[in-house]
Protein backbone atom coordinates (compact mmCIF):
# COMPACT_ATOMS: atom_id res chain seq x y z
CA MET A 1 31.51 7.81 -0.06
CA LYS A 2 29.61 4.58 -0.42
CA ALA A 3 26.62 3.72 1.75
CA ASN A 4 28.23 0.43 2.79
CA GLU A 5 31.21 2.32 4.19
CA LEU A 6 28.90 4.62 6.12
CA ARG A 7 26.90 1.78 7.64
CA THR A 8 30.02 0.37 9.32
CA LYS A 9 30.61 3.62 11.23
CA THR A 10 29.16 4.51 14.61
CA ASP A 11 26.54 7.21 15.12
CA ASP A 12 29.15 9.56 16.59
CA GLU A 13 31.45 9.12 13.59
CA LEU A 14 28.54 9.75 11.23
CA SER A 15 27.53 12.88 13.14
CA ASP A 16 31.09 14.20 12.96
CA ARG A 17 31.30 13.48 9.25
CA LEU A 18 27.92 15.15 8.73
CA SER A 19 29.08 18.35 10.39
CA GLU A 20 32.27 18.33 8.30
CA LEU A 21 30.29 17.93 5.10
CA GLN A 22 27.87 20.70 6.05
CA LYS A 23 30.80 23.06 6.64
CA GLU A 24 32.27 22.05 3.29
CA ARG A 25 28.93 22.65 1.56
CA PHE A 26 28.77 26.10 3.15
CA ASN A 27 32.26 26.94 1.88
CA LEU A 28 31.50 25.60 -1.58
CA ARG A 29 28.44 27.83 -1.81
CA PHE A 30 30.59 30.89 -1.18
CA GLN A 31 33.22 29.76 -3.67
CA ARG A 32 30.54 29.29 -6.32
CA ALA A 33 29.03 32.70 -5.61
CA GLY A 34 32.45 34.31 -5.83
CA GLY A 35 33.36 32.55 -9.05
CA GLN A 36 36.26 30.67 -7.41
CA LEU A 37 34.80 27.16 -7.53
CA GLU A 38 36.91 24.91 -9.74
CA ASN A 39 35.35 21.49 -9.16
CA THR A 40 31.63 22.04 -9.64
CA ALA A 41 30.87 18.33 -9.29
CA ARG A 42 32.05 18.44 -5.67
CA VAL A 43 28.89 20.36 -4.69
CA ARG A 44 26.74 17.48 -5.91
CA GLU A 45 28.93 14.85 -4.21
CA VAL A 46 28.81 16.64 -0.86
CA ARG A 47 25.06 17.13 -1.07
CA ARG A 48 24.49 13.45 -1.78
CA ASP A 49 26.87 12.33 0.98
CA ILE A 50 24.92 14.48 3.44
CA ALA A 51 21.69 12.84 2.31
CA ARG A 52 23.19 9.35 2.67
CA ILE A 53 24.35 10.03 6.21
CA LYS A 54 21.02 11.53 7.23
CA THR A 55 19.18 8.54 5.77
CA ILE A 56 21.33 6.04 7.65
CA LEU A 57 21.01 7.95 10.93
CA ALA A 58 17.22 8.21 10.55
CA GLY A 59 16.96 4.50 9.82
CA ARG A 60 18.98 3.66 12.92
CA ARG A 61 16.83 5.93 15.08
CA ALA A 62 13.65 4.38 13.69
CA SER A 63 14.86 0.85 14.33
CA ALA A 64 15.99 1.78 17.84
CA ALA A 65 12.61 3.34 18.60
CA GLY A 66 10.79 0.26 17.29
CA ALA A 67 12.85 -2.18 19.35
C-alpha cells in the first residue's frame, strides 16, 4: 500500500487497517515456523505497511498536539 493512499484515510480507518495487518503478521509468523509459508515476500510487505501506518498516525498526533 502506498503512503499517499494511507494519508487520505481517517485515523479510525488506519487503526482498523493496522490491527488487520498485525493479525496477518502474527499468522504469517506461524506459517513460516511451520514451513507452510508460500509467499515469503508478504512478511516484508506487511511489516513495512505497519511501519507506514504507524508513521502517519504519529505524525498526525504530533501535528495535533502542536496546534
